[in-house]
Structures are given as C-alpha cells and as structure tokens.
Amino acid sequence: MDAAPESLLVVAAFSRHLDALTWGEERLQLEYGPIQLRSPDYDFHHTRYYEPVMGPGLRKRLLVFERMPPPDGLADIKCRTIALEGELAALGRFAEPRPLNLDPGLLQLGKFLLASTKDQTQRIYLRDGIFAEIRLRFQGGLFEPWPWTYADYREPAVLSFLAEARAYLYRRLRPSD
C-alpha cells in the first residue's frame, strides 16, 4: 500500500480589518506552527458574496504553516477554523457579524484542495458538514484551474505564490544531501 501524500496546510484568510487578520494568524500559529510563507495581501473583489456579513473592501492573504497535517485532517482543520471565526466574532470588537474568514486547504505536489461547508457537484463530502474539492491541479510545471475554480485562485499572483509553496514542499520532502 502506498503512503499517503504529504501536504502543506495553506489557509486563505480574509477580512476588511488588519487586526482581525493578525488575530487569525496568531491563533493559527498556536495550533499549526510558525508561518513559513505569507502571500502579499490582495483585494478580494472577485465576488460580493461575503459583503453582507463581512462588509466591503476585503483583503485576502494566503498562509503556509510549518506543521504538515495528515491528509485526512482537512475536516478537523476546517472545523477548527470555523470555531476560530466564531470566537473572534463573539469578542464583539468588530461591527460585522463575521469579521474574519479562514479557509484551509492542503497543498500537495500534484494538487491544491480546499475545504468548504457548501456542497457542489464537484465536491466530496468528508464529514461533519465539511466538503473538499481539488481547486487546482499541477500539470506541465504549473498550477492549472478547473472550470469551477474561484476567480481569485486563477490570478497570476496567487498561482505564483502556490507554485512557490509547492517548491517549498518539494524541498521539504527531498532535502539535499
């Protein structure tokens, strides 16, 4: 039987509040280790879906953590990020009912998977109300989107950052002698 693929934990964090992003980073590092890679923040203008609960002017960043989760750990991580979002909201420091969104995914050498609580035809149910989908595939030396890949994951800067994260994973799996 083949070994399960090694994965990096990548969390997409977005908010209109820098303080909320910082809070999320600090809390995630307590559980998943230091941040190894952080993308530049970018405007999350690709959809207005989140504005009613998060407000306008959202900024997004991708975070790669040191600890490598088990490949069957995505549902646990998504449940934990949902709890963290709720914890911050309950503090009442922000006007919005959802000041922070934390979307975890697993980056493997051949693909990038993202967790979701929303079912779609291309998503596979994991457990506890959590689904997973392959958001990008690595082919021909590049990450390539699927027809269902969200617009921001098609952006050249995001694809470049995930390629950098993949190179980091590759170095971790095959350290030079």
N, C-alpha and C. Protein backbone atom coordinates (compact mmCIF):
# COMPACT_ATOMS: atom_id res chain seq x y z
N MET A 1 0.85 -1.18 0.00
CA MET A 1 0.00 0.00 0.00
C MET A 1 0.89 1.24 0.00
N ASP A 2 0.58 2.20 -0.87
CA ASP A 2 1.36 3.42 -0.97
C ASP A 2 1.10 4.33 0.23
N ALA A 3 2.11 5.11 0.58
CA ALA A 3 1.97 6.08 1.66
C ALA A 3 1.08 7.23 1.20
N ALA A 4 0.36 7.82 2.13
CA ALA A 4 -0.48 8.99 1.81
C ALA A 4 0.41 10.16 1.41
N PRO A 5 -0.07 11.01 0.51
CA PRO A 5 0.75 12.14 0.08
C PRO A 5 0.95 13.15 1.22
N GLU A 6 2.13 13.71 1.25
CA GLU A 6 2.43 14.76 2.23
C GLU A 6 1.75 16.05 1.79
N SER A 7 1.32 16.84 2.75
CA SER A 7 0.58 18.06 2.45
C SER A 7 1.07 19.22 3.29
N LEU A 8 1.02 20.41 2.70
CA LEU A 8 1.20 21.65 3.44
C LEU A 8 -0.17 22.20 3.77
N LEU A 9 -0.29 22.76 4.96
CA LEU A 9 -1.51 23.48 5.30
C LEU A 9 -1.41 24.89 4.77
N VAL A 10 -2.36 25.26 3.92
CA VAL A 10 -2.48 26.61 3.40
C VAL A 10 -3.82 27.15 3.86
N VAL A 11 -3.81 28.30 4.51
CA VAL A 11 -5.05 28.93 4.94
C VAL A 11 -5.21 30.25 4.22
N ALA A 12 -6.34 30.41 3.54
CA ALA A 12 -6.71 31.69 2.94
C ALA A 12 -7.46 32.48 4.00
N ALA A 13 -6.91 33.62 4.38
CA ALA A 13 -7.52 34.46 5.42
C ALA A 13 -7.95 35.77 4.78
N PHE A 14 -9.20 36.15 5.03
CA PHE A 14 -9.60 37.46 4.52
C PHE A 14 -10.53 38.18 5.46
N SER A 15 -10.42 39.51 5.38
CA SER A 15 -11.16 40.41 6.26
C SER A 15 -11.01 41.82 5.72
N ARG A 16 -11.78 42.72 6.23
CA ARG A 16 -11.55 44.14 5.93
C ARG A 16 -10.73 44.79 7.05
N HIS A 17 -10.44 44.01 8.10
CA HIS A 17 -9.73 44.53 9.27
C HIS A 17 -8.35 43.88 9.40
N LEU A 18 -7.31 44.68 9.35
CA LEU A 18 -5.95 44.16 9.54
C LEU A 18 -5.82 43.50 10.91
N ASP A 19 -6.47 44.07 11.93
CA ASP A 19 -6.42 43.49 13.28
C ASP A 19 -7.00 42.08 13.30
N ALA A 20 -8.06 41.85 12.54
CA ALA A 20 -8.67 40.52 12.50
C ALA A 20 -7.74 39.52 11.81
N LEU A 21 -7.08 39.94 10.74
CA LEU A 21 -6.13 39.07 10.06
C LEU A 21 -4.96 38.71 10.98
N THR A 22 -4.47 39.70 11.70
CA THR A 22 -3.37 39.46 12.64
C THR A 22 -3.81 38.50 13.75
N TRP A 23 -5.00 38.71 14.29
CA TRP A 23 -5.54 37.81 15.32
C TRP A 23 -5.61 36.39 14.79
N GLY A 24 -6.13 36.23 13.57
CA GLY A 24 -6.24 34.91 12.99
C GLY A 24 -4.88 34.24 12.81
N GLU A 25 -3.91 35.00 12.33
CA GLU A 25 -2.56 34.44 12.17
C GLU A 25 -2.00 33.96 13.50
N GLU A 26 -2.14 34.78 14.53
CA GLU A 26 -1.60 34.41 15.84
C GLU A 26 -2.25 33.15 16.37
N ARG A 27 -3.55 33.05 16.24
CA ARG A 27 -4.26 31.87 16.75
C ARG A 27 -3.92 30.62 15.95
N LEU A 28 -3.82 30.76 14.63
CA LEU A 28 -3.47 29.61 13.80
C LEU A 28 -2.06 29.11 14.09
N GLN A 29 -1.14 30.02 14.35
CA GLN A 29 0.24 29.61 14.64
C GLN A 29 0.34 28.83 15.94
N LEU A 30 -0.53 29.11 16.88
CA LEU A 30 -0.53 28.35 18.13
C LEU A 30 -0.83 26.88 17.87
N GLU A 31 -1.62 26.61 16.85
CA GLU A 31 -2.05 25.24 16.58
C GLU A 31 -1.27 24.55 15.46
N TYR A 32 -0.81 25.33 14.49
CA TYR A 32 -0.21 24.72 13.30
C TYR A 32 1.25 25.12 13.07
N GLY A 33 1.82 25.79 14.05
CA GLY A 33 3.23 26.16 13.96
C GLY A 33 3.44 27.48 13.25
N PRO A 34 4.70 27.88 13.17
CA PRO A 34 5.01 29.16 12.54
C PRO A 34 4.60 29.23 11.08
N ILE A 35 4.30 30.42 10.64
CA ILE A 35 4.02 30.66 9.23
C ILE A 35 5.34 30.61 8.48
N GLN A 36 5.38 29.77 7.45
CA GLN A 36 6.59 29.62 6.64
C GLN A 36 6.57 30.51 5.40
N LEU A 37 5.39 30.73 4.85
CA LEU A 37 5.22 31.60 3.68
C LEU A 37 3.94 32.39 3.86
N ARG A 38 3.98 33.66 3.45
CA ARG A 38 2.79 34.53 3.52
C ARG A 38 2.72 35.28 2.20
N SER A 39 1.59 35.19 1.54
CA SER A 39 1.44 35.93 0.29
C SER A 39 1.25 37.42 0.61
N PRO A 40 1.53 38.27 -0.35
CA PRO A 40 1.12 39.67 -0.18
C PRO A 40 -0.40 39.74 -0.10
N ASP A 41 -0.91 40.70 0.65
CA ASP A 41 -2.35 40.91 0.70
C ASP A 41 -2.82 41.36 -0.68
N TYR A 42 -4.03 40.95 -1.05
CA TYR A 42 -4.61 41.43 -2.30
C TYR A 42 -6.09 41.72 -2.10
N ASP A 43 -6.62 42.59 -2.94
CA ASP A 43 -8.03 42.93 -2.88
C ASP A 43 -8.86 41.72 -3.27
N PHE A 44 -9.83 41.40 -2.43
CA PHE A 44 -10.73 40.30 -2.72
C PHE A 44 -12.01 40.92 -3.31
N HIS A 45 -11.95 41.20 -4.60
CA HIS A 45 -13.03 41.90 -5.30
C HIS A 45 -13.76 40.97 -6.28
N HIS A 46 -13.48 39.69 -6.22
CA HIS A 46 -13.96 38.75 -7.23
C HIS A 46 -15.43 38.35 -7.05
N THR A 47 -15.97 38.61 -5.88
CA THR A 47 -17.37 38.31 -5.60
C THR A 47 -17.84 39.23 -4.48
N ARG A 48 -19.14 39.48 -4.44
CA ARG A 48 -19.74 40.26 -3.35
C ARG A 48 -20.48 39.33 -2.36
N TYR A 49 -20.29 38.04 -2.52
CA TYR A 49 -20.98 37.04 -1.72
C TYR A 49 -20.82 37.30 -0.22
N TYR A 50 -19.63 37.69 0.21
CA TYR A 50 -19.33 37.82 1.64
C TYR A 50 -19.67 39.20 2.22
N GLU A 51 -19.94 40.19 1.37
CA GLU A 51 -20.15 41.56 1.86
C GLU A 51 -21.26 41.71 2.88
N PRO A 52 -22.40 41.01 2.76
CA PRO A 52 -23.46 41.21 3.76
C PRO A 52 -23.02 40.88 5.20
N VAL A 53 -22.11 39.94 5.37
CA VAL A 53 -21.69 39.57 6.72
C VAL A 53 -20.27 40.03 7.07
N MET A 54 -19.50 40.42 6.04
CA MET A 54 -18.11 40.82 6.29
C MET A 54 -17.81 42.27 5.92
N GLY A 55 -18.71 42.91 5.19
CA GLY A 55 -18.51 44.29 4.76
C GLY A 55 -17.71 44.37 3.47
N PRO A 56 -17.60 45.57 2.92
CA PRO A 56 -16.85 45.77 1.67
C PRO A 56 -15.36 45.94 1.94
N GLY A 57 -14.58 45.98 0.86
CA GLY A 57 -13.15 46.27 0.99
C GLY A 57 -12.35 45.14 1.60
N LEU A 58 -12.70 43.90 1.27
CA LEU A 58 -12.00 42.76 1.86
C LEU A 58 -10.60 42.61 1.28
N ARG A 59 -9.67 42.22 2.14
CA ARG A 59 -8.29 41.92 1.77
C ARG A 59 -8.02 40.47 2.11
N LYS A 60 -7.25 39.81 1.24
CA LYS A 60 -7.01 38.38 1.41
C LYS A 60 -5.52 38.10 1.37
N ARG A 61 -5.11 37.07 2.12
CA ARG A 61 -3.73 36.59 2.09
C ARG A 61 -3.74 35.08 2.26
N LEU A 62 -2.71 34.44 1.75
CA LEU A 62 -2.54 33.00 1.90
C LEU A 62 -1.39 32.76 2.85
N LEU A 63 -1.57 31.79 3.75
CA LEU A 63 -0.59 31.47 4.77
C LEU A 63 -0.21 30.00 4.68
N VAL A 64 1.07 29.72 4.72
CA VAL A 64 1.56 28.34 4.71
C VAL A 64 2.21 28.08 6.07
N PHE A 65 1.80 27.00 6.72
CA PHE A 65 2.27 26.70 8.07
C PHE A 65 3.33 25.60 8.09
N GLU A 66 4.11 25.62 9.14
CA GLU A 66 5.22 24.66 9.28
C GLU A 66 4.74 23.22 9.44
N ARG A 67 3.75 23.01 10.31
CA ARG A 67 3.29 21.65 10.58
C ARG A 67 2.55 21.10 9.37
N MET A 68 2.89 19.88 9.03
CA MET A 68 2.25 19.22 7.90
C MET A 68 1.15 18.31 8.43
N PRO A 69 -0.10 18.65 8.13
CA PRO A 69 -1.21 17.86 8.68
C PRO A 69 -1.34 16.51 7.97
N PRO A 70 -1.98 15.57 8.63
CA PRO A 70 -2.25 14.30 7.94
C PRO A 70 -3.22 14.57 6.79
N PRO A 71 -3.14 13.78 5.72
CA PRO A 71 -4.01 14.04 4.57
C PRO A 71 -5.50 13.88 4.87
N ASP A 72 -5.82 13.17 5.94
CA ASP A 72 -7.23 13.04 6.31
C ASP A 72 -7.64 14.06 7.38
N GLY A 73 -6.81 15.07 7.60
CA GLY A 73 -7.08 16.04 8.65
C GLY A 73 -7.81 17.30 8.21
N LEU A 74 -8.15 17.41 6.93
CA LEU A 74 -8.74 18.65 6.43
C LEU A 74 -10.07 18.99 7.12
N ALA A 75 -10.92 18.01 7.36
CA ALA A 75 -12.20 18.29 8.02
C ALA A 75 -11.98 18.83 9.43
N ASP A 76 -11.04 18.24 10.17
CA ASP A 76 -10.74 18.74 11.51
C ASP A 76 -10.26 20.18 11.47
N ILE A 77 -9.39 20.48 10.51
CA ILE A 77 -8.85 21.83 10.42
C ILE A 77 -9.96 22.82 10.06
N LYS A 78 -10.83 22.46 9.13
CA LYS A 78 -11.94 23.35 8.76
C LYS A 78 -12.86 23.59 9.94
N CYS A 79 -13.16 22.55 10.70
CA CYS A 79 -13.99 22.73 11.91
C CYS A 79 -13.31 23.68 12.89
N ARG A 80 -11.99 23.57 13.00
CA ARG A 80 -11.26 24.45 13.92
C ARG A 80 -11.27 25.89 13.43
N THR A 81 -11.10 26.10 12.12
CA THR A 81 -11.10 27.48 11.62
C THR A 81 -12.49 28.11 11.76
N ILE A 82 -13.53 27.32 11.60
CA ILE A 82 -14.89 27.83 11.83
C ILE A 82 -15.04 28.27 13.28
N ALA A 83 -14.52 27.46 14.20
CA ALA A 83 -14.58 27.81 15.62
C ALA A 83 -13.80 29.09 15.91
N LEU A 84 -12.64 29.25 15.29
CA LEU A 84 -11.86 30.47 15.49
C LEU A 84 -12.61 31.70 14.96
N GLU A 85 -13.22 31.57 13.80
CA GLU A 85 -14.02 32.68 13.26
C GLU A 85 -15.11 33.08 14.26
N GLY A 86 -15.79 32.08 14.81
CA GLY A 86 -16.85 32.35 15.78
C GLY A 86 -16.32 32.97 17.06
N GLU A 87 -15.15 32.52 17.47
CA GLU A 87 -14.54 33.07 18.69
C GLU A 87 -14.24 34.56 18.52
N LEU A 88 -13.68 34.93 17.38
CA LEU A 88 -13.38 36.34 17.14
C LEU A 88 -14.67 37.15 17.05
N ALA A 89 -15.67 36.64 16.36
CA ALA A 89 -16.94 37.35 16.23
C ALA A 89 -17.56 37.59 17.61
N ALA A 90 -17.47 36.58 18.49
CA ALA A 90 -18.07 36.68 19.83
C ALA A 90 -17.39 37.73 20.70
N LEU A 91 -16.16 38.09 20.39
CA LEU A 91 -15.47 39.12 21.17
C LEU A 91 -16.12 40.49 21.00
N GLY A 92 -16.85 40.67 19.89
CA GLY A 92 -17.58 41.92 19.68
C GLY A 92 -16.70 43.11 19.35
N ARG A 93 -15.49 42.89 18.89
CA ARG A 93 -14.57 44.00 18.58
C ARG A 93 -14.84 44.62 17.22
N PHE A 94 -15.63 43.97 16.40
CA PHE A 94 -15.89 44.44 15.05
C PHE A 94 -17.39 44.52 14.82
N ALA A 95 -17.80 45.44 13.97
CA ALA A 95 -19.23 45.65 13.71
C ALA A 95 -19.85 44.51 12.91
N GLU A 96 -19.06 43.87 12.05
CA GLU A 96 -19.59 42.83 11.18
C GLU A 96 -19.84 41.54 11.96
N PRO A 97 -20.88 40.79 11.57
CA PRO A 97 -21.12 39.50 12.23
C PRO A 97 -20.04 38.46 11.94
N ARG A 98 -19.32 38.63 10.85
CA ARG A 98 -18.23 37.71 10.51
C ARG A 98 -17.01 38.56 10.10
N PRO A 99 -16.21 38.96 11.06
CA PRO A 99 -15.08 39.83 10.72
C PRO A 99 -13.91 39.13 10.06
N LEU A 100 -13.89 37.80 10.10
CA LEU A 100 -12.75 37.05 9.58
C LEU A 100 -13.23 35.75 8.94
N ASN A 101 -12.65 35.43 7.78
CA ASN A 101 -12.92 34.16 7.12
C ASN A 101 -11.60 33.42 6.99
N LEU A 102 -11.57 32.17 7.41
CA LEU A 102 -10.38 31.32 7.34
C LEU A 102 -10.73 30.06 6.56
N ASP A 103 -10.17 29.94 5.36
CA ASP A 103 -10.45 28.79 4.51
C ASP A 103 -9.20 27.93 4.38
N PRO A 104 -9.17 26.77 5.04
CA PRO A 104 -7.99 25.91 4.96
C PRO A 104 -8.00 25.02 3.72
N GLY A 105 -6.79 24.73 3.28
CA GLY A 105 -6.61 23.81 2.17
C GLY A 105 -5.34 23.01 2.36
N LEU A 106 -5.20 21.98 1.56
CA LEU A 106 -3.99 21.16 1.58
C LEU A 106 -3.31 21.28 0.22
N LEU A 107 -2.06 21.64 0.24
CA LEU A 107 -1.27 21.71 -0.98
C LEU A 107 -0.39 20.47 -1.03
N GLN A 108 -0.54 19.72 -2.09
CA GLN A 108 0.27 18.54 -2.33
C GLN A 108 1.05 18.78 -3.62
N LEU A 109 2.00 17.91 -3.93
CA LEU A 109 2.81 18.13 -5.12
C LEU A 109 1.96 18.17 -6.39
N GLY A 110 0.86 17.43 -6.43
CA GLY A 110 0.05 17.35 -7.64
C GLY A 110 -1.24 18.14 -7.63
N LYS A 111 -1.59 18.74 -6.48
CA LYS A 111 -2.87 19.43 -6.44
C LYS A 111 -2.98 20.33 -5.21
N PHE A 112 -4.01 21.18 -5.26
CA PHE A 112 -4.37 22.04 -4.14
C PHE A 112 -5.84 21.80 -3.85
N LEU A 113 -6.13 21.32 -2.63
CA LEU A 113 -7.50 21.04 -2.20
C LEU A 113 -7.95 22.11 -1.23
N LEU A 114 -9.21 22.46 -1.29
CA LEU A 114 -9.76 23.45 -0.38
C LEU A 114 -10.99 22.87 0.30
N ALA A 115 -11.16 23.18 1.58
CA ALA A 115 -12.33 22.73 2.34
C ALA A 115 -13.46 23.74 2.20
N SER A 116 -14.68 23.26 2.34
CA SER A 116 -15.85 24.11 2.25
C SER A 116 -16.98 23.50 3.08
N THR A 117 -17.92 24.35 3.49
CA THR A 117 -19.13 23.86 4.13
C THR A 117 -20.29 23.81 3.15
N LYS A 118 -20.03 24.22 1.91
CA LYS A 118 -21.07 24.26 0.89
C LYS A 118 -20.88 23.12 -0.10
N ASP A 119 -21.96 22.38 -0.34
CA ASP A 119 -21.92 21.27 -1.29
C ASP A 119 -22.07 21.80 -2.71
N GLN A 120 -21.34 21.20 -3.62
CA GLN A 120 -21.45 21.45 -5.06
C GLN A 120 -21.21 20.11 -5.75
N THR A 121 -21.50 20.04 -7.03
CA THR A 121 -21.38 18.77 -7.74
C THR A 121 -19.95 18.23 -7.76
N GLN A 122 -18.95 19.09 -7.73
CA GLN A 122 -17.55 18.66 -7.81
C GLN A 122 -16.92 18.44 -6.43
N ARG A 123 -17.68 18.59 -5.37
CA ARG A 123 -17.13 18.46 -4.02
C ARG A 123 -17.46 17.09 -3.44
N ILE A 124 -16.54 16.62 -2.62
CA ILE A 124 -16.69 15.33 -1.96
C ILE A 124 -16.93 15.58 -0.47
N TYR A 125 -17.94 14.91 0.06
CA TYR A 125 -18.24 15.04 1.48
C TYR A 125 -17.18 14.31 2.29
N LEU A 126 -16.63 15.00 3.29
CA LEU A 126 -15.66 14.38 4.19
C LEU A 126 -16.37 13.88 5.44
N ARG A 127 -16.86 14.81 6.24
CA ARG A 127 -17.63 14.50 7.45
C ARG A 127 -17.96 15.80 8.17
N ASP A 128 -18.86 15.73 9.13
CA ASP A 128 -19.20 16.88 9.97
C ASP A 128 -19.57 18.13 9.17
N GLY A 129 -20.23 17.94 8.03
CA GLY A 129 -20.65 19.08 7.22
C GLY A 129 -19.54 19.71 6.39
N ILE A 130 -18.42 19.02 6.25
CA ILE A 130 -17.26 19.56 5.53
C ILE A 130 -17.07 18.80 4.22
N PHE A 131 -16.86 19.58 3.17
CA PHE A 131 -16.59 19.04 1.83
C PHE A 131 -15.19 19.45 1.41
N ALA A 132 -14.66 18.76 0.42
CA ALA A 132 -13.35 19.11 -0.15
C ALA A 132 -13.45 19.06 -1.66
N GLU A 133 -12.67 19.91 -2.31
CA GLU A 133 -12.58 19.85 -3.75
C GLU A 133 -11.15 20.16 -4.18
N ILE A 134 -10.76 19.60 -5.30
CA ILE A 134 -9.47 19.94 -5.87
C ILE A 134 -9.67 21.25 -6.61
N ARG A 135 -9.06 22.28 -6.10
CA ARG A 135 -9.22 23.62 -6.67
C ARG A 135 -8.27 23.84 -7.85
N LEU A 136 -7.06 23.29 -7.75
CA LEU A 136 -6.04 23.43 -8.80
C LEU A 136 -5.33 22.10 -8.97
N ARG A 137 -4.83 21.84 -10.17
CA ARG A 137 -4.00 20.67 -10.42
C ARG A 137 -2.65 21.16 -10.92
N PHE A 138 -1.60 20.41 -10.59
CA PHE A 138 -0.26 20.77 -11.04
C PHE A 138 0.06 19.93 -12.26
N GLN A 139 0.27 20.60 -13.37
CA GLN A 139 0.47 19.90 -14.64
C GLN A 139 1.40 20.74 -15.51
N GLY A 140 2.38 20.08 -16.11
CA GLY A 140 3.28 20.80 -17.00
C GLY A 140 4.08 21.88 -16.30
N GLY A 141 4.36 21.70 -15.03
CA GLY A 141 5.15 22.67 -14.28
C GLY A 141 4.38 23.87 -13.76
N LEU A 142 3.04 23.84 -13.87
CA LEU A 142 2.22 24.97 -13.42
C LEU A 142 0.96 24.48 -12.72
N PHE A 143 0.42 25.30 -11.83
CA PHE A 143 -0.90 25.03 -11.29
C PHE A 143 -1.92 25.50 -12.32
N GLU A 144 -2.89 24.65 -12.59
CA GLU A 144 -3.93 24.96 -13.57
C GLU A 144 -5.30 24.87 -12.90
N PRO A 145 -6.18 25.81 -13.21
CA PRO A 145 -7.53 25.78 -12.63
C PRO A 145 -8.44 24.80 -13.35
N TRP A 146 -9.50 24.45 -12.67
CA TRP A 146 -10.61 23.68 -13.23
C TRP A 146 -11.72 24.67 -13.59
N PRO A 147 -12.73 24.25 -14.30
CA PRO A 147 -13.83 25.18 -14.62
C PRO A 147 -14.49 25.79 -13.37
N TRP A 148 -14.48 25.07 -12.25
CA TRP A 148 -15.13 25.55 -11.03
C TRP A 148 -14.20 26.34 -10.11
N THR A 149 -12.96 26.50 -10.48
CA THR A 149 -12.01 27.22 -9.62
C THR A 149 -12.43 28.67 -9.46
N TYR A 150 -12.46 29.14 -8.21
CA TYR A 150 -12.84 30.53 -7.94
C TYR A 150 -11.90 31.49 -8.66
N ALA A 151 -12.41 32.67 -8.99
CA ALA A 151 -11.67 33.65 -9.79
C ALA A 151 -10.36 34.07 -9.13
N ASP A 152 -10.34 34.25 -7.83
CA ASP A 152 -9.09 34.72 -7.22
C ASP A 152 -8.00 33.66 -7.25
N TYR A 153 -8.37 32.38 -7.31
CA TYR A 153 -7.37 31.32 -7.42
C TYR A 153 -6.86 31.15 -8.85
N ARG A 154 -7.38 31.95 -9.76
CA ARG A 154 -6.90 31.99 -11.14
C ARG A 154 -5.91 33.14 -11.36
N GLU A 155 -5.83 34.03 -10.40
CA GLU A 155 -4.96 35.21 -10.52
C GLU A 155 -3.50 34.78 -10.61
N PRO A 156 -2.73 35.40 -11.51
CA PRO A 156 -1.31 35.05 -11.64
C PRO A 156 -0.52 35.13 -10.33
N ALA A 157 -0.80 36.15 -9.51
CA ALA A 157 -0.05 36.28 -8.24
C ALA A 157 -0.37 35.13 -7.29
N VAL A 158 -1.61 34.68 -7.26
CA VAL A 158 -1.99 33.56 -6.39
C VAL A 158 -1.38 32.26 -6.91
N LEU A 159 -1.46 32.04 -8.21
CA LEU A 159 -0.85 30.84 -8.80
C LEU A 159 0.66 30.83 -8.58
N SER A 160 1.28 31.99 -8.68
CA SER A 160 2.73 32.09 -8.44
C SER A 160 3.06 31.77 -6.99
N PHE A 161 2.27 32.30 -6.06
CA PHE A 161 2.51 32.03 -4.64
C PHE A 161 2.35 30.54 -4.35
N LEU A 162 1.31 29.91 -4.90
CA LEU A 162 1.11 28.49 -4.66
C LEU A 162 2.22 27.65 -5.30
N ALA A 163 2.76 28.10 -6.42
CA ALA A 163 3.91 27.42 -7.02
C ALA A 163 5.13 27.54 -6.11
N GLU A 164 5.29 28.69 -5.48
CA GLU A 164 6.38 28.88 -4.51
C GLU A 164 6.18 27.95 -3.31
N ALA A 165 4.94 27.82 -2.86
CA ALA A 165 4.65 26.91 -1.74
C ALA A 165 4.92 25.47 -2.15
N ARG A 166 4.58 25.12 -3.38
CA ARG A 166 4.86 23.77 -3.86
C ARG A 166 6.36 23.51 -3.89
N ALA A 167 7.15 24.48 -4.34
CA ALA A 167 8.60 24.33 -4.36
C ALA A 167 9.13 24.16 -2.94
N TYR A 168 8.56 24.88 -1.99
CA TYR A 168 8.93 24.73 -0.58
C TYR A 168 8.61 23.31 -0.10
N LEU A 169 7.42 22.80 -0.45
CA LEU A 169 7.06 21.42 -0.08
C LEU A 169 8.04 20.44 -0.71
N TYR A 170 8.35 20.63 -1.96
CA TYR A 170 9.27 19.73 -2.66
C TYR A 170 10.62 19.68 -1.95
N ARG A 171 11.14 20.85 -1.55
CA ARG A 171 12.42 20.90 -0.82
C ARG A 171 12.32 20.19 0.52
N ARG A 172 11.18 20.32 1.19
CA ARG A 172 10.99 19.64 2.48
C ARG A 172 10.94 18.14 2.32
N LEU A 173 10.36 17.67 1.23
CA LEU A 173 10.23 16.23 1.01
C LEU A 173 11.50 15.60 0.47
N ARG A 174 12.30 16.38 -0.22
CA ARG A 174 13.52 15.87 -0.83
C ARG A 174 14.70 16.78 -0.47
N PRO A 175 15.06 16.80 0.81
CA PRO A 175 16.17 17.68 1.20
C PRO A 175 17.47 17.26 0.50
N SER A 176 18.25 18.29 0.19
CA SER A 176 19.53 17.99 -0.48
C SER A 176 20.49 17.33 0.51
N ASP A 177 21.33 16.50 -0.02
CA ASP A 177 22.29 15.75 0.82
C ASP A 177 23.49 16.59 1.15
